[in-house]
């Protein structure tokens, strides 16, 4: 995954825990998931709008 090994991923995870705190990580993950879902929906709506426009 992105050329990162296990050691690098563990280091990144530790840095995230230190920066955000263990209680904030679920909130952060939830907001990232929500943003991702909204982006997918927006892209799908845009492609649907283009198809209607071209028809």
PDB file of N, CA and C in Angstrom:
ATOM      1  N   UNK A   1       0.845  -1.177   0.000  1.00  0.00           N
ATOM      2  CA  UNK A   1       0.000   0.000   0.000  1.00  0.00           C
ATOM      3  C   UNK A   1       0.886   1.236   0.000  1.00  0.00           C
ATOM      4  N   UNK A   2       0.934   1.960  -1.100  1.00  0.00           N
ATOM      5  CA  UNK A   2       1.708   3.185  -1.265  1.00  0.00           C
ATOM      6  C   UNK A   2       3.198   2.971  -0.985  1.00  0.00           C
ATOM      7  N   UNK A   3       3.666   1.749  -1.078  1.00  0.00           N
ATOM      8  CA  UNK A   3       5.068   1.483  -0.842  1.00  0.00           C
ATOM      9  C   UNK A   3       5.471   1.574   0.618  1.00  0.00           C
ATOM     10  N   UNK A   4       4.497   1.528   1.526  1.00  0.00           N
ATOM     11  CA  UNK A   4       4.789   1.614   2.952  1.00  0.00           C
ATOM     12  C   UNK A   4       4.809   0.221   3.554  1.00  0.00           C
ATOM     13  N   UNK A   5       5.789  -0.017   4.389  1.00  0.00           N
ATOM     14  CA  UNK A   5       5.880  -1.287   5.087  1.00  0.00           C
ATOM     15  C   UNK A   5       5.129  -1.241   6.407  1.00  0.00           C
ATOM     16  N   UNK A   6       5.161  -2.346   7.103  1.00  0.00           N
ATOM     17  CA  UNK A   6       4.464  -2.460   8.381  1.00  0.00           C
ATOM     18  C   UNK A   6       5.008  -1.468   9.398  1.00  0.00           C
ATOM     19  N   UNK A   7       6.309  -1.324   9.457  1.00  0.00           N
ATOM     20  CA  UNK A   7       6.926  -0.413  10.424  1.00  0.00           C
ATOM     21  C   UNK A   7       6.476   1.026  10.192  1.00  0.00           C
ATOM     22  N   UNK A   8       6.450   1.454   8.937  1.00  0.00           N
ATOM     23  CA  UNK A   8       6.034   2.823   8.631  1.00  0.00           C
ATOM     24  C   UNK A   8       4.576   3.045   9.002  1.00  0.00           C
ATOM     25  N   UNK A   9       3.717   2.063   8.726  1.00  0.00           N
ATOM     26  CA  UNK A   9       2.301   2.198   9.074  1.00  0.00           C
ATOM     27  C   UNK A   9       2.099   2.288  10.582  1.00  0.00           C
ATOM     28  N   UNK A  10       2.862   1.529  11.337  1.00  0.00           N
ATOM     29  CA  UNK A  10       2.771   1.584  12.800  1.00  0.00           C
ATOM     30  C   UNK A  10       3.209   2.952  13.309  1.00  0.00           C
ATOM     31  N   UNK A  11       4.277   3.481  12.749  1.00  0.00           N
ATOM     32  CA  UNK A  11       4.762   4.802  13.153  1.00  0.00           C
ATOM     33  C   UNK A  11       3.713   5.865  12.851  1.00  0.00           C
ATOM     34  N   UNK A  12       3.102   5.801  11.674  1.00  0.00           N
ATOM     35  CA  UNK A  12       2.060   6.758  11.314  1.00  0.00           C
ATOM     36  C   UNK A  12       0.876   6.644  12.262  1.00  0.00           C
ATOM     37  N   UNK A  13       0.477   5.429  12.606  1.00  0.00           N
ATOM     38  CA  UNK A  13      -0.630   5.214  13.534  1.00  0.00           C
ATOM     39  C   UNK A  13      -0.315   5.803  14.909  1.00  0.00           C
ATOM     40  N   UNK A  14       0.895   5.613  15.391  1.00  0.00           N
ATOM     41  CA  UNK A  14       1.292   6.172  16.692  1.00  0.00           C
ATOM     42  C   UNK A  14       1.255   7.697  16.649  1.00  0.00           C
ATOM     43  N   UNK A  15       1.719   8.285  15.580  1.00  0.00           N
ATOM     44  CA  UNK A  15       1.700   9.747  15.446  1.00  0.00           C
ATOM     45  C   UNK A  15       0.262  10.261  15.449  1.00  0.00           C
ATOM     46  N   UNK A  16      -0.631   9.565  14.757  1.00  0.00           N
ATOM     47  CA  UNK A  16      -2.043   9.972  14.732  1.00  0.00           C
ATOM     48  C   UNK A  16      -2.643   9.905  16.132  1.00  0.00           C
ATOM     49  N   UNK A  17      -2.342   8.841  16.869  1.00  0.00           N
ATOM     50  CA  UNK A  17      -2.870   8.702  18.228  1.00  0.00           C
ATOM     51  C   UNK A  17      -2.334   9.821  19.118  1.00  0.00           C
ATOM     52  N   UNK A  18      -1.075  10.162  18.969  1.00  0.00           N
ATOM     53  CA  UNK A  18      -0.492  11.225  19.789  1.00  0.00           C
ATOM     54  C   UNK A  18      -1.108  12.577  19.439  1.00  0.00           C
ATOM     55  N   UNK A  19      -1.301  12.845  18.148  1.00  0.00           N
ATOM     56  CA  UNK A  19      -1.833  14.137  17.724  1.00  0.00           C
ATOM     57  C   UNK A  19      -3.305  14.319  18.094  1.00  0.00           C
ATOM     58  N   UNK A  20      -4.114  13.299  17.871  1.00  0.00           N
ATOM     59  CA  UNK A  20      -5.555  13.452  18.039  1.00  0.00           C
ATOM     60  C   UNK A  20      -6.081  12.871  19.338  1.00  0.00           C
ATOM     61  N   UNK A  21      -5.341  12.010  19.980  1.00  0.00           N
ATOM     62  CA  UNK A  21      -5.834  11.368  21.188  1.00  0.00           C
ATOM     63  C   UNK A  21      -6.718  10.186  20.845  1.00  0.00           C
ATOM     64  N   UNK A  22      -6.710   9.197  21.687  1.00  0.00           N
ATOM     65  CA  UNK A  22      -7.433   7.969  21.376  1.00  0.00           C
ATOM     66  C   UNK A  22      -8.941   8.168  21.367  1.00  0.00           C
ATOM     67  N   UNK A  23      -9.445   9.151  22.098  1.00  0.00           N
ATOM     68  CA  UNK A  23     -10.892   9.375  22.125  1.00  0.00           C
ATOM     69  C   UNK A  23     -11.396  10.063  20.858  1.00  0.00           C
ATOM     70  N   UNK A  24     -10.534  10.778  20.157  1.00  0.00           N
ATOM     71  CA  UNK A  24     -10.946  11.514  18.958  1.00  0.00           C
ATOM     72  C   UNK A  24     -10.836  10.694  17.678  1.00  0.00           C
ATOM     73  N   UNK A  25     -10.137   9.575  17.709  1.00  0.00           N
ATOM     74  CA  UNK A  25      -9.918   8.784  16.499  1.00  0.00           C
ATOM     75  C   UNK A  25     -11.223   8.263  15.903  1.00  0.00           C
ATOM     76  N   UNK A  26     -12.173   7.724  16.702  1.00  0.00           N
ATOM     77  CA  UNK A  26     -13.440   7.292  16.083  1.00  0.00           C
ATOM     78  C   UNK A  26     -14.195   8.434  15.406  1.00  0.00           C
ATOM     79  N   UNK A  27     -14.177   9.621  16.005  1.00  0.00           N
ATOM     80  CA  UNK A  27     -14.839  10.774  15.400  1.00  0.00           C
ATOM     81  C   UNK A  27     -14.153  11.154  14.088  1.00  0.00           C
ATOM     82  N   UNK A  28     -12.826  11.114  14.097  1.00  0.00           N
ATOM     83  CA  UNK A  28     -12.065  11.439  12.903  1.00  0.00           C
ATOM     84  C   UNK A  28     -12.361  10.438  11.789  1.00  0.00           C
ATOM     85  N   UNK A  29     -12.370   9.159  12.111  1.00  0.00           N
ATOM     86  CA  UNK A  29     -12.654   8.125  11.120  1.00  0.00           C
ATOM     87  C   UNK A  29     -14.071   8.274  10.574  1.00  0.00           C
ATOM     88  N   UNK A  30     -15.009   8.586  11.438  1.00  0.00           N
ATOM     89  CA  UNK A  30     -16.401   8.763  11.013  1.00  0.00           C
ATOM     90  C   UNK A  30     -16.523   9.942  10.052  1.00  0.00           C
ATOM     91  N   UNK A  31     -15.852  11.043  10.366  1.00  0.00           N
ATOM     92  CA  UNK A  31     -15.940  12.218   9.494  1.00  0.00           C
ATOM     93  C   UNK A  31     -15.243  11.974   8.155  1.00  0.00           C
ATOM     94  N   UNK A  32     -14.161  11.221   8.160  1.00  0.00           N
ATOM     95  CA  UNK A  32     -13.485  10.885   6.904  1.00  0.00           C
ATOM     96  C   UNK A  32     -14.381  10.003   6.049  1.00  0.00           C
ATOM     97  N   UNK A  33     -15.042   9.033   6.674  1.00  0.00           N
ATOM     98  CA  UNK A  33     -15.965   8.170   5.944  1.00  0.00           C
ATOM     99  C   UNK A  33     -17.136   8.942   5.363  1.00  0.00           C
ATOM    100  N   UNK A  34     -17.666   9.876   6.131  1.00  0.00           N
ATOM    101  CA  UNK A  34     -18.785  10.693   5.660  1.00  0.00           C
ATOM    102  C   UNK A  34     -18.358  11.556   4.474  1.00  0.00           C
ATOM    103  N   UNK A  35     -17.176  12.156   4.567  1.00  0.00           N
ATOM    104  CA  UNK A  35     -16.674  12.991   3.475  1.00  0.00           C
ATOM    105  C   UNK A  35     -16.451  12.161   2.212  1.00  0.00           C
ATOM    106  N   UNK A  36     -15.941  10.965   2.381  1.00  0.00           N
ATOM    107  CA  UNK A  36     -15.707  10.075   1.241  1.00  0.00           C
ATOM    108  C   UNK A  36     -17.026   9.701   0.572  1.00  0.00           C
ATOM    109  N   UNK A  37     -18.024   9.375   1.392  1.00  0.00           N
ATOM    110  CA  UNK A  37     -19.337   8.992   0.868  1.00  0.00           C
ATOM    111  C   UNK A  37     -19.975  10.167   0.117  1.00  0.00           C
ATOM    112  N   UNK A  38     -19.881  11.375   0.680  1.00  0.00           N
ATOM    113  CA  UNK A  38     -20.446  12.547   0.022  1.00  0.00           C
ATOM    114  C   UNK A  38     -19.731  12.849  -1.295  1.00  0.00           C
ATOM    115  N   UNK A  39     -18.431  12.632  -1.334  1.00  0.00           N
ATOM    116  CA  UNK A  39     -17.677  12.846  -2.564  1.00  0.00           C
ATOM    117  C   UNK A  39     -18.129  11.874  -3.640  1.00  0.00           C
ATOM    118  N   UNK A  40     -18.296  10.602  -3.279  1.00  0.00           N
ATOM    119  CA  UNK A  40     -18.759   9.604  -4.243  1.00  0.00           C
ATOM    120  C   UNK A  40     -20.140   9.961  -4.776  1.00  0.00           C
ATOM    121  N   UNK A  41     -21.036  10.373  -3.882  1.00  0.00           N
ATOM    122  CA  UNK A  41     -22.393  10.747  -4.300  1.00  0.00           C
ATOM    123  C   UNK A  41     -22.361  11.966  -5.218  1.00  0.00           C
ATOM    124  N   UNK A  42     -21.516  12.926  -4.892  1.00  0.00           N
ATOM    125  CA  UNK A  42     -21.399  14.119  -5.726  1.00  0.00           C
ATOM    126  C   UNK A  42     -20.873  13.796  -7.111  1.00  0.00           C
ATOM    127  N   UNK A  43     -19.886  12.923  -7.182  1.00  0.00           N
ATOM    128  CA  UNK A  43     -19.352  12.530  -8.485  1.00  0.00           C
ATOM    129  C   UNK A  43     -20.379  11.753  -9.287  1.00  0.00           C
ATOM    130  N   UNK A  44     -21.153  10.898  -8.626  1.00  0.00           N
ATOM    131  CA  UNK A  44     -22.195  10.135  -9.317  1.00  0.00           C
ATOM    132  C   UNK A  44     -23.283  11.070  -9.834  1.00  0.00           C
ATOM    133  N   UNK A  45     -23.679  12.051  -9.035  1.00  0.00           N
ATOM    134  CA  UNK A  45     -24.687  13.020  -9.463  1.00  0.00           C
ATOM    135  C   UNK A  45     -24.194  13.838 -10.654  1.00  0.00           C
ATOM    136  N   UNK A  46     -22.931  14.200 -10.625  1.00  0.00           N
ATOM    137  CA  UNK A  46     -22.364  14.992 -11.712  1.00  0.00           C
ATOM    138  C   UNK A  46     -22.364  14.210 -13.016  1.00  0.00           C
ATOM    139  N   UNK A  47     -22.004  12.928 -12.960  1.00  0.00           N
ATOM    140  CA  UNK A  47     -21.980  12.133 -14.188  1.00  0.00           C
ATOM    141  C   UNK A  47     -23.393  11.896 -14.703  1.00  0.00           C
ATOM    142  N   UNK A  48     -24.361  11.757 -13.794  1.00  0.00           N
ATOM    143  CA  UNK A  48     -25.753  11.598 -14.202  1.00  0.00           C
ATOM    144  C   UNK A  48     -26.259  12.875 -14.872  1.00  0.00           C
ATOM    145  N   UNK A  49     -25.899  14.027 -14.298  1.00  0.00           N
ATOM    146  CA  UNK A  49     -26.294  15.304 -14.877  1.00  0.00           C
ATOM    147  C   UNK A  49     -25.704  15.491 -16.271  1.00  0.00           C
ATOM    148  N   UNK A  50     -24.445  15.071 -16.465  1.00  0.00           N
ATOM    149  CA  UNK A  50     -23.803  15.187 -17.774  1.00  0.00           C
ATOM    150  C   UNK A  50     -24.505  14.322 -18.807  1.00  0.00           C
ATOM    151  N   UNK A  51     -24.889  13.104 -18.385  1.00  0.00           N
ATOM    152  CA  UNK A  51     -25.573  12.197 -19.316  1.00  0.00           C
ATOM    153  C   UNK A  51     -26.906  12.790 -19.743  1.00  0.00           C
ATOM    154  N   UNK A  52     -27.642  13.384 -18.799  1.00  0.00           N
ATOM    155  CA  UNK A  52     -28.924  14.000 -19.133  1.00  0.00           C
ATOM    156  C   UNK A  52     -28.727  15.199 -20.055  1.00  0.00           C
ATOM    157  N   UNK A  53     -27.657  15.932 -19.801  1.00  0.00           N
ATOM    158  CA  UNK A  53     -27.371  17.128 -20.588  1.00  0.00           C
ATOM    159  C   UNK A  53     -27.017  16.766 -22.037  1.00  0.00           C
ATOM    160  N   UNK A  54     -26.287  15.658 -22.207  1.00  0.00           N
ATOM    161  CA  UNK A  54     -25.846  15.240 -23.534  1.00  0.00           C
ATOM    162  C   UNK A  54     -26.930  14.502 -24.302  1.00  0.00           C
ATOM    163  N   UNK A  55     -27.976  14.045 -23.634  1.00  0.00           N
ATOM    164  CA  UNK A  55     -29.010  13.244 -24.312  1.00  0.00           C
ATOM    165  C   UNK A  55     -29.992  14.080 -25.071  1.00  0.00           C
TER     166      UNK A  55
END
